[in-house]
């Protein structure tokens, strides 16, 4: 279910911020809600804007991706996304299908999203038979992911402190390690 996005404001002028304001003069855009900064993550992903995406994060933020890679700090988050946008996700598009915001206390929020990702390009040979995608350069099938963002309000606005994204595997309850790697399994009848 879609909700309107709060528009960021430019700290210097108080007026509307450019969509890429976070990349100009090192000044991040100021967002008026945790939901707005979360939505900005997806908008900047869709723009392939690693710099604009990175400034949404606290300088010492953490990001754990779908395979458990843990990027520590804004610079590492920017580098990882810049690489992905150049080699894997340059034709990708993410759409939010669900979004919830929960206050955890004064100025601290948990945002969960469910989203679809289309247009990922298969770059290399899969690491195992479970993780198959198309041949190099071909679009992979749609992915569905659940993202959790811990967001805090600072004097300068909202920022992402921690982010973790997990792929949703339809029909699976967990994974089991096999000789070929991790395989999704279902325990429920």
Protein backbone atom coordinates (compact mmCIF):
# COMPACT_ATOMS: atom_id res chain seq x y z
CA UNK A 1 0.00 0.00 0.00
CA UNK A 2 1.51 3.29 -1.12
CA UNK A 3 1.59 6.44 0.99
CA UNK A 4 2.65 9.91 -0.14
CA UNK A 5 6.32 10.73 0.30
CA UNK A 6 7.33 13.66 2.50
CA UNK A 7 9.40 16.03 0.39
CA UNK A 8 12.93 16.70 1.67
CA UNK A 9 13.94 20.27 2.42
CA UNK A 10 17.31 21.83 1.82
CA UNK A 11 18.96 22.75 5.15
CA UNK A 12 20.66 25.82 3.71
CA UNK A 13 17.64 27.41 2.07
CA UNK A 14 14.66 25.82 3.82
CA UNK A 15 13.14 25.29 0.36
CA UNK A 16 12.50 22.08 -1.52
CA UNK A 17 15.59 19.93 -1.91
CA UNK A 18 16.85 18.62 -5.20
CA UNK A 19 16.30 14.87 -5.45
CA UNK A 20 20.08 14.48 -5.40
CA UNK A 21 20.61 17.05 -2.67
CA UNK A 22 22.56 14.54 -0.64
CA UNK A 23 25.33 14.58 -3.23
CA UNK A 24 25.72 18.34 -3.42
CA UNK A 25 28.36 19.98 -1.24
CA UNK A 26 28.24 17.03 1.15
CA UNK A 27 24.92 18.20 2.57
CA UNK A 28 22.30 15.51 3.11
CA UNK A 29 18.68 16.36 2.41
CA UNK A 30 16.54 16.74 5.52
CA UNK A 31 13.53 14.47 5.74
CA UNK A 32 10.58 15.14 8.00
CA UNK A 33 9.76 11.52 8.86
CA UNK A 34 11.26 8.07 9.11
CA UNK A 35 8.96 6.95 6.29
CA UNK A 36 10.25 9.71 4.01
CA UNK A 37 13.90 8.74 4.45
CA UNK A 38 13.01 5.06 3.88
CA UNK A 39 11.17 5.94 0.67
CA UNK A 40 14.13 8.06 -0.39
CA UNK A 41 16.32 4.94 -0.18
CA UNK A 42 14.17 3.24 -2.82
CA UNK A 43 13.95 6.36 -5.01
CA UNK A 44 17.73 6.76 -5.01
CA UNK A 45 18.17 3.05 -5.72
CA UNK A 46 15.89 3.45 -8.75
CA UNK A 47 18.03 6.41 -9.86
CA UNK A 48 21.22 4.31 -9.47
CA UNK A 49 22.51 7.07 -7.17
CA UNK A 50 25.03 5.53 -4.74
CA UNK A 51 26.12 8.93 -3.40
CA UNK A 52 22.56 10.09 -2.76
CA UNK A 53 21.68 6.75 -1.20
CA UNK A 54 24.74 6.77 1.08
CA UNK A 55 23.99 10.18 2.62
CA UNK A 56 20.72 8.77 3.95
CA UNK A 57 22.83 6.73 6.38
CA UNK A 58 24.56 7.78 9.58
CA UNK A 59 28.32 8.04 9.17
CA UNK A 60 28.77 4.90 11.33
CA UNK A 61 25.74 3.01 9.96
CA UNK A 62 25.59 -0.73 9.27
CA UNK A 63 24.09 -2.48 6.25
CA UNK A 64 23.61 -6.25 5.97
CA UNK A 65 22.69 -7.43 2.47
CA UNK A 66 20.68 -10.46 1.35
CA UNK A 67 23.62 -12.87 1.58
CA UNK A 68 24.86 -11.57 4.92
CA UNK A 69 27.64 -9.24 3.75
CA UNK A 70 28.04 -6.62 6.48
CA UNK A 71 29.08 -3.16 5.33
CA UNK A 72 30.20 -0.90 8.16
CA UNK A 73 30.04 2.85 7.71
CA UNK A 74 28.57 5.20 5.12
CA UNK A 75 31.64 4.97 2.85
CA UNK A 76 31.46 1.15 2.67
CA UNK A 77 27.71 1.31 2.02
CA UNK A 78 28.32 3.78 -0.82
CA UNK A 79 31.12 1.67 -2.36
CA UNK A 80 29.05 -1.53 -2.29
CA UNK A 81 26.02 0.11 -3.87
CA UNK A 82 28.12 1.95 -6.48
CA UNK A 83 29.61 -1.38 -7.56
CA UNK A 84 26.16 -2.98 -7.69
CA UNK A 85 24.69 -0.13 -9.74
CA UNK A 86 27.57 -0.37 -12.25
CA UNK A 87 27.63 -4.15 -12.66
CA UNK A 88 24.46 -5.86 -11.45
CA UNK A 89 21.59 -3.44 -10.78
CA UNK A 90 21.99 -0.75 -13.48
CA UNK A 91 18.71 -1.77 -15.11
CA UNK A 92 16.89 -2.63 -11.88
CA UNK A 93 13.78 -1.12 -10.38
CA UNK A 94 12.43 -1.60 -6.86
CA UNK A 95 8.79 -1.07 -5.95
CA UNK A 96 7.55 -0.95 -2.36
CA UNK A 97 4.50 -3.17 -1.88
CA UNK A 98 4.20 -2.81 1.92
CA UNK A 99 5.60 -0.32 4.41
CA UNK A 100 5.19 0.01 8.16
CA UNK A 101 6.70 2.42 10.66
CA UNK A 102 6.87 1.66 14.38
CA UNK A 103 8.10 4.12 17.01
CA UNK A 104 10.52 2.48 19.45
CA UNK A 105 10.84 5.54 21.67
CA UNK A 106 11.60 9.23 21.31
CA UNK A 107 13.27 9.77 17.94
CA UNK A 108 13.84 6.08 17.11
CA UNK A 109 11.83 4.18 14.49
CA UNK A 110 11.76 0.74 12.93
CA UNK A 111 10.68 0.73 9.30
CA UNK A 112 9.86 -2.53 7.55
CA UNK A 113 9.21 -2.81 3.83
CA UNK A 114 8.32 -5.53 1.40
CA UNK A 115 9.47 -4.77 -2.13
CA UNK A 116 9.90 -6.29 -5.54
CA UNK A 117 13.10 -6.01 -7.55
CA UNK A 118 13.05 -6.40 -11.33
CA UNK A 119 15.83 -5.95 -13.85
CA UNK A 120 18.79 -7.40 -11.96
CA UNK A 121 21.43 -8.46 -14.47
CA UNK A 122 23.23 -11.77 -14.06
CA UNK A 123 26.92 -10.91 -14.07
CA UNK A 124 28.76 -14.12 -13.27
CA UNK A 125 28.39 -17.85 -13.08
CA UNK A 126 26.25 -18.80 -10.05
CA UNK A 127 28.20 -19.95 -7.00
CA UNK A 128 26.04 -23.06 -6.63
CA UNK A 129 23.07 -24.75 -8.23
CA UNK A 130 20.58 -23.21 -5.80
CA UNK A 131 21.46 -19.66 -6.77
CA UNK A 132 20.85 -19.86 -10.51
CA UNK A 133 20.13 -16.83 -12.64
CA UNK A 134 20.25 -16.29 -16.36
CA UNK A 135 23.47 -16.20 -18.40
CA UNK A 136 25.67 -13.12 -18.14
CA UNK A 137 23.88 -9.97 -19.17
CA UNK A 138 20.35 -11.38 -19.09
CA UNK A 139 17.73 -10.14 -16.65
CA UNK A 140 17.10 -12.39 -13.68
CA UNK A 141 13.59 -13.20 -12.43
CA UNK A 142 11.72 -10.92 -10.02
CA UNK A 143 12.89 -10.98 -6.40
CA UNK A 144 10.84 -10.12 -3.34
CA UNK A 145 12.63 -8.76 -0.28
CA UNK A 146 11.87 -7.66 3.27
CA UNK A 147 13.95 -4.76 4.54
CA UNK A 148 14.32 -3.56 8.12
CA UNK A 149 15.66 -0.05 8.74
CA UNK A 150 16.45 1.40 12.14
CA UNK A 151 16.06 5.15 11.73
CA UNK A 152 16.75 7.92 14.23
CA UNK A 153 15.83 11.55 14.35
CA UNK A 154 18.71 13.96 14.80
CA UNK A 155 18.68 17.74 14.97
CA UNK A 156 19.50 17.77 11.23
CA UNK A 157 16.71 15.32 10.36
CA UNK A 158 16.25 11.57 10.05
CA UNK A 159 19.02 9.11 9.17
CA UNK A 160 19.31 5.35 8.76
CA UNK A 161 21.43 3.78 11.49
CA UNK A 162 21.09 0.15 10.45
CA UNK A 163 19.58 -1.67 7.49
CA UNK A 164 19.11 -5.39 6.84
CA UNK A 165 17.53 -6.88 3.74
CA UNK A 166 16.39 -10.47 3.29
CA UNK A 167 15.09 -12.19 0.19
CA UNK A 168 11.67 -13.79 0.59
CA UNK A 169 11.58 -17.37 -0.69
CA UNK A 170 7.98 -18.33 -1.35
CA UNK A 171 6.95 -21.61 0.25
CA UNK A 172 10.10 -21.92 2.39
CA UNK A 173 10.31 -21.84 6.18
CA UNK A 174 14.10 -21.81 6.50
CA UNK A 175 17.30 -22.95 4.84
CA UNK A 176 19.28 -26.15 5.23
CA UNK A 177 22.93 -26.56 4.29
CA UNK A 178 23.57 -29.24 1.67
CA UNK A 179 26.72 -30.22 -0.17
CA UNK A 180 25.77 -27.71 -2.87
CA UNK A 181 25.14 -24.84 -0.44
CA UNK A 182 22.01 -23.46 1.22
CA UNK A 183 18.69 -24.81 0.05
CA UNK A 184 15.26 -23.42 1.00
CA UNK A 185 13.12 -25.98 2.81
CA UNK A 186 9.58 -26.17 4.09
CA UNK A 187 8.74 -27.78 7.44
CA UNK A 188 5.03 -27.12 7.54
CA UNK A 189 2.66 -29.44 5.66
